[in-house]
N, C-alpha and C. Protein backbone atom coordinates (compact mmCIF):
# COMPACT_ATOMS: atom_id res chain seq x y z
N GLN A 1 -11.13 -0.37 -8.15
CA GLN A 1 -10.69 -1.39 -7.23
C GLN A 1 -9.41 -0.96 -6.53
N SER A 2 -8.47 -0.43 -7.27
CA SER A 2 -7.21 0.00 -6.65
C SER A 2 -7.45 1.17 -5.70
N ALA A 3 -8.20 2.15 -6.16
CA ALA A 3 -8.50 3.30 -5.31
C ALA A 3 -9.28 2.86 -4.08
N GLY A 4 -10.16 1.89 -4.24
CA GLY A 4 -10.94 1.39 -3.11
C GLY A 4 -10.08 0.73 -2.07
N SER A 5 -9.07 -0.03 -2.52
CA SER A 5 -8.18 -0.67 -1.55
C SER A 5 -7.31 0.37 -0.87
N MET A 6 -6.87 1.36 -1.59
CA MET A 6 -6.01 2.39 -1.01
C MET A 6 -6.77 3.24 0.00
N ILE A 7 -8.01 3.59 -0.29
CA ILE A 7 -8.78 4.46 0.60
C ILE A 7 -9.15 3.74 1.90
N GLY A 8 -9.18 2.40 1.87
CA GLY A 8 -9.46 1.63 3.08
C GLY A 8 -8.30 1.60 4.05
N ALA A 9 -7.12 2.00 3.58
CA ALA A 9 -5.94 2.04 4.43
C ALA A 9 -5.88 3.39 5.17
N ALA A 10 -4.82 3.61 5.92
CA ALA A 10 -4.67 4.85 6.67
C ALA A 10 -4.14 5.99 5.82
N ASP A 11 -3.62 5.68 4.61
CA ASP A 11 -3.00 6.70 3.77
C ASP A 11 -3.06 6.24 2.31
N VAL A 12 -3.27 7.18 1.40
CA VAL A 12 -3.38 6.84 -0.03
C VAL A 12 -2.25 7.43 -0.86
N GLY A 13 -1.15 7.80 -0.23
CA GLY A 13 -0.09 8.52 -0.91
C GLY A 13 0.82 7.72 -1.82
N LEU A 14 0.72 6.39 -1.84
CA LEU A 14 1.63 5.59 -2.65
C LEU A 14 1.11 5.35 -4.06
N THR A 15 0.89 6.42 -4.79
CA THR A 15 0.51 6.32 -6.18
C THR A 15 1.12 7.49 -6.95
N TYR A 16 1.40 7.29 -8.20
CA TYR A 16 1.90 8.39 -9.02
C TYR A 16 0.82 8.89 -9.97
N GLU A 17 -0.35 8.33 -9.89
CA GLU A 17 -1.47 8.80 -10.71
C GLU A 17 -2.73 8.91 -9.84
N PRO A 18 -2.73 9.88 -8.92
CA PRO A 18 -3.89 10.01 -8.03
C PRO A 18 -5.13 10.43 -8.82
N ASN A 19 -6.25 9.87 -8.44
CA ASN A 19 -7.51 10.23 -9.06
C ASN A 19 -7.94 11.58 -8.49
N PRO A 20 -8.06 12.61 -9.34
CA PRO A 20 -8.43 13.94 -8.83
C PRO A 20 -9.76 13.93 -8.05
N ALA A 21 -10.71 13.12 -8.49
CA ALA A 21 -11.99 13.06 -7.78
C ALA A 21 -11.80 12.47 -6.39
N LEU A 22 -10.94 11.47 -6.26
CA LEU A 22 -10.66 10.86 -4.96
C LEU A 22 -10.08 11.90 -4.01
N LEU A 23 -9.05 12.59 -4.45
CA LEU A 23 -8.39 13.56 -3.58
C LEU A 23 -9.27 14.79 -3.32
N LYS A 24 -9.95 15.28 -4.33
CA LYS A 24 -10.72 16.51 -4.17
C LYS A 24 -12.04 16.28 -3.45
N ASP A 25 -12.85 15.37 -3.96
CA ASP A 25 -14.21 15.21 -3.45
C ASP A 25 -14.31 14.36 -2.20
N LEU A 26 -13.57 13.27 -2.14
CA LEU A 26 -13.69 12.36 -1.02
C LEU A 26 -12.75 12.72 0.13
N LEU A 27 -11.52 13.09 -0.20
CA LEU A 27 -10.52 13.34 0.83
C LEU A 27 -10.23 14.81 1.08
N HIS A 28 -10.85 15.69 0.33
CA HIS A 28 -10.67 17.14 0.51
C HIS A 28 -9.19 17.54 0.50
N GLY A 29 -8.43 16.95 -0.41
CA GLY A 29 -7.03 17.31 -0.60
C GLY A 29 -6.05 16.67 0.37
N GLN A 30 -6.50 15.80 1.24
CA GLN A 30 -5.63 15.13 2.21
C GLN A 30 -5.32 13.71 1.74
N THR A 31 -4.18 13.15 2.15
CA THR A 31 -3.85 11.79 1.75
C THR A 31 -4.27 10.77 2.80
N ALA A 32 -4.89 11.21 3.87
CA ALA A 32 -5.35 10.27 4.90
C ALA A 32 -6.48 9.41 4.36
N GLY A 33 -6.41 8.11 4.62
CA GLY A 33 -7.46 7.20 4.22
C GLY A 33 -8.45 6.99 5.36
N MET A 34 -9.30 5.99 5.21
CA MET A 34 -10.34 5.73 6.21
C MET A 34 -9.87 4.81 7.34
N GLY A 35 -8.75 4.15 7.18
CA GLY A 35 -8.16 3.35 8.25
C GLY A 35 -8.84 2.03 8.54
N PHE A 36 -9.64 1.50 7.61
CA PHE A 36 -10.31 0.22 7.84
C PHE A 36 -9.32 -0.92 8.02
N ALA A 37 -8.17 -0.83 7.34
CA ALA A 37 -7.17 -1.90 7.40
C ALA A 37 -6.05 -1.58 8.38
N GLY A 38 -6.29 -0.70 9.31
CA GLY A 38 -5.29 -0.37 10.31
C GLY A 38 -4.36 0.73 9.87
N ARG A 39 -3.24 0.81 10.53
CA ARG A 39 -2.26 1.88 10.30
C ARG A 39 -1.27 1.45 9.20
N CYS A 40 -1.78 1.43 7.98
CA CYS A 40 -0.94 1.00 6.86
C CYS A 40 -1.25 1.83 5.63
N ALA A 41 -0.37 1.74 4.67
CA ALA A 41 -0.59 2.30 3.33
C ALA A 41 -0.55 1.12 2.38
N ILE A 42 -1.54 1.00 1.52
CA ILE A 42 -1.61 -0.11 0.58
C ILE A 42 -1.10 0.35 -0.78
N ARG A 43 -0.18 -0.42 -1.34
CA ARG A 43 0.32 -0.16 -2.70
C ARG A 43 -0.18 -1.30 -3.58
N PRO A 44 -1.31 -1.07 -4.32
CA PRO A 44 -1.82 -2.11 -5.21
C PRO A 44 -0.99 -2.22 -6.49
N HIS A 45 -1.12 -3.34 -7.19
CA HIS A 45 -0.40 -3.60 -8.45
C HIS A 45 1.10 -3.43 -8.25
N ASP A 46 1.60 -3.88 -7.12
CA ASP A 46 3.00 -3.66 -6.77
C ASP A 46 3.93 -4.45 -7.67
N SER A 47 5.02 -3.82 -8.03
CA SER A 47 6.13 -4.51 -8.69
C SER A 47 7.41 -4.03 -8.02
N ALA A 48 8.28 -4.94 -7.69
CA ALA A 48 9.46 -4.63 -6.88
C ALA A 48 10.33 -3.55 -7.50
N GLU A 49 10.55 -3.61 -8.79
CA GLU A 49 11.47 -2.66 -9.41
C GLU A 49 11.03 -1.22 -9.20
N LEU A 50 9.76 -0.96 -9.35
CA LEU A 50 9.26 0.40 -9.30
C LEU A 50 9.01 0.91 -7.89
N TRP A 51 8.60 0.04 -6.98
CA TRP A 51 8.10 0.50 -5.68
C TRP A 51 8.98 0.18 -4.49
N ASP A 52 10.12 -0.48 -4.66
CA ASP A 52 10.99 -0.82 -3.53
C ASP A 52 11.40 0.41 -2.72
N LEU A 53 12.09 1.31 -3.34
CA LEU A 53 12.60 2.48 -2.64
C LEU A 53 11.47 3.39 -2.15
N ALA A 54 10.51 3.67 -3.02
CA ALA A 54 9.40 4.55 -2.64
C ALA A 54 8.63 4.00 -1.45
N SER A 55 8.37 2.69 -1.42
CA SER A 55 7.63 2.09 -0.31
C SER A 55 8.42 2.15 0.99
N ALA A 56 9.70 1.84 0.93
CA ALA A 56 10.53 1.86 2.12
C ALA A 56 10.62 3.27 2.71
N VAL A 57 10.87 4.25 1.87
CA VAL A 57 11.00 5.63 2.33
C VAL A 57 9.66 6.16 2.83
N TYR A 58 8.59 5.92 2.09
CA TYR A 58 7.27 6.42 2.47
C TYR A 58 6.83 5.85 3.81
N GLY A 59 7.04 4.57 4.01
CA GLY A 59 6.68 3.94 5.28
C GLY A 59 7.43 4.55 6.45
N GLN A 60 8.72 4.82 6.27
CA GLN A 60 9.52 5.43 7.33
C GLN A 60 9.08 6.87 7.61
N ILE A 61 8.88 7.64 6.57
CA ILE A 61 8.52 9.06 6.74
C ILE A 61 7.15 9.20 7.40
N ARG A 62 6.18 8.40 6.96
CA ARG A 62 4.81 8.52 7.46
C ARG A 62 4.54 7.64 8.68
N ASN A 63 5.52 6.85 9.11
CA ASN A 63 5.38 5.93 10.24
C ASN A 63 4.20 4.97 10.01
N LEU A 64 4.19 4.36 8.82
CA LEU A 64 3.14 3.42 8.42
C LEU A 64 3.76 2.10 7.99
N THR A 65 3.00 1.04 8.12
CA THR A 65 3.37 -0.23 7.52
C THR A 65 2.88 -0.18 6.08
N VAL A 66 3.76 -0.40 5.13
CA VAL A 66 3.37 -0.40 3.72
C VAL A 66 3.06 -1.83 3.31
N VAL A 67 1.83 -2.04 2.87
CA VAL A 67 1.39 -3.36 2.40
C VAL A 67 1.42 -3.33 0.88
N ARG A 68 2.33 -4.10 0.32
CA ARG A 68 2.51 -4.13 -1.13
C ARG A 68 1.76 -5.33 -1.69
N VAL A 69 0.70 -5.03 -2.43
CA VAL A 69 -0.20 -6.06 -2.93
C VAL A 69 0.01 -6.23 -4.43
N ALA A 70 0.51 -7.40 -4.82
CA ALA A 70 0.76 -7.68 -6.24
C ALA A 70 -0.55 -8.04 -6.94
N ASN A 71 -0.55 -7.99 -8.26
CA ASN A 71 -1.71 -8.43 -9.03
C ASN A 71 -2.04 -9.87 -8.65
N GLY A 72 -3.30 -10.17 -8.44
CA GLY A 72 -3.73 -11.50 -8.07
C GLY A 72 -3.82 -11.71 -6.57
N GLN A 73 -3.42 -10.72 -5.79
CA GLN A 73 -3.48 -10.82 -4.34
C GLN A 73 -4.52 -9.85 -3.78
N GLY A 74 -4.91 -10.11 -2.53
CA GLY A 74 -5.79 -9.21 -1.81
C GLY A 74 -5.37 -9.19 -0.35
N LEU A 75 -5.76 -8.14 0.35
CA LEU A 75 -5.48 -8.03 1.77
C LEU A 75 -6.73 -8.45 2.52
N GLN A 76 -6.61 -9.47 3.36
CA GLN A 76 -7.73 -9.98 4.14
C GLN A 76 -7.48 -9.65 5.60
N CYS A 77 -8.42 -8.94 6.22
CA CYS A 77 -8.31 -8.60 7.63
C CYS A 77 -9.48 -9.21 8.39
N ILE A 78 -9.17 -9.95 9.44
CA ILE A 78 -10.17 -10.51 10.33
C ILE A 78 -9.80 -10.02 11.72
N GLY A 79 -10.60 -9.12 12.24
CA GLY A 79 -10.24 -8.48 13.50
C GLY A 79 -8.98 -7.66 13.30
N ALA A 80 -8.01 -7.86 14.16
CA ALA A 80 -6.74 -7.12 14.07
C ALA A 80 -5.68 -7.87 13.28
N ASN A 81 -6.02 -9.04 12.72
CA ASN A 81 -5.06 -9.84 11.97
C ASN A 81 -5.28 -9.69 10.47
N CYS A 82 -4.25 -9.24 9.77
CA CYS A 82 -4.33 -9.06 8.32
C CYS A 82 -3.26 -9.91 7.64
N SER A 83 -3.60 -10.41 6.46
CA SER A 83 -2.63 -11.18 5.68
C SER A 83 -2.96 -11.05 4.20
N LEU A 84 -1.95 -11.27 3.38
CA LEU A 84 -2.15 -11.29 1.94
C LEU A 84 -2.68 -12.66 1.54
N VAL A 85 -3.68 -12.67 0.68
CA VAL A 85 -4.25 -13.92 0.19
C VAL A 85 -4.21 -13.92 -1.33
N GLY A 86 -4.29 -15.11 -1.91
CA GLY A 86 -4.24 -15.23 -3.36
C GLY A 86 -2.83 -15.46 -3.84
N LYS A 87 -2.71 -15.72 -5.11
CA LYS A 87 -1.41 -15.98 -5.72
C LYS A 87 -1.01 -14.78 -6.55
N SER A 88 0.16 -14.25 -6.28
CA SER A 88 0.61 -13.08 -7.03
C SER A 88 0.91 -13.48 -8.47
N VAL A 89 0.60 -12.57 -9.38
CA VAL A 89 0.82 -12.78 -10.80
C VAL A 89 1.89 -11.80 -11.25
N GLY A 90 3.03 -12.31 -11.64
CA GLY A 90 4.10 -11.46 -12.16
C GLY A 90 4.80 -10.63 -11.10
N ALA A 91 4.73 -11.03 -9.84
CA ALA A 91 5.42 -10.27 -8.79
C ALA A 91 6.92 -10.56 -8.84
N HIS A 92 7.69 -9.64 -8.37
CA HIS A 92 9.14 -9.77 -8.37
C HIS A 92 9.66 -9.67 -6.94
N GLN A 93 10.78 -10.31 -6.68
CA GLN A 93 11.41 -10.22 -5.36
C GLN A 93 11.92 -8.81 -5.13
N SER A 94 11.85 -8.38 -3.90
CA SER A 94 12.38 -7.09 -3.52
C SER A 94 13.90 -7.10 -3.64
N VAL A 95 14.46 -5.94 -3.95
CA VAL A 95 15.90 -5.82 -4.01
C VAL A 95 16.48 -5.54 -2.62
N PHE A 96 15.62 -5.34 -1.63
CA PHE A 96 16.05 -5.10 -0.25
C PHE A 96 15.98 -6.39 0.54
N SER A 97 16.81 -6.49 1.57
CA SER A 97 16.76 -7.65 2.44
C SER A 97 16.40 -7.18 3.84
N GLY A 98 16.12 -8.13 4.70
CA GLY A 98 15.80 -7.78 6.08
C GLY A 98 14.31 -7.81 6.32
N PRO A 99 13.91 -7.62 7.59
CA PRO A 99 12.50 -7.66 7.94
C PRO A 99 11.72 -6.53 7.28
N ALA A 100 10.59 -6.86 6.72
CA ALA A 100 9.69 -5.89 6.09
C ALA A 100 10.38 -5.08 4.99
N GLY A 101 11.40 -5.65 4.36
CA GLY A 101 12.06 -4.96 3.26
C GLY A 101 12.86 -3.75 3.70
N ARG A 102 13.28 -3.70 4.95
CA ARG A 102 14.02 -2.54 5.44
C ARG A 102 15.45 -2.54 4.87
N LEU A 103 15.95 -1.35 4.65
CA LEU A 103 17.32 -1.22 4.18
C LEU A 103 18.28 -1.68 5.26
N GLU A 104 19.25 -2.47 4.89
CA GLU A 104 20.25 -2.92 5.87
C GLU A 104 21.64 -2.62 5.37
């Protein structure tokens, strides 16, 4: 499920435990995803403590919108409009302030 959500995005690089079969067989060693959810990188099972800095830096470097999906949430896209749905379970507030969690 997590790999499926990540591969539907434009990039699958926001993980520290990549599935070798995903990278080798499906993506041929590239981190580019299929782009079904637009120009974004999805970080499933997000927790603020672990992914704040990595998500902010990765989004800037790759010029992507990072969608951080907590447990209990899903990304719903209808046409060009996407939003998080569901109730997050155990999510934490970001330590960053500002729009889209940008460093200020």
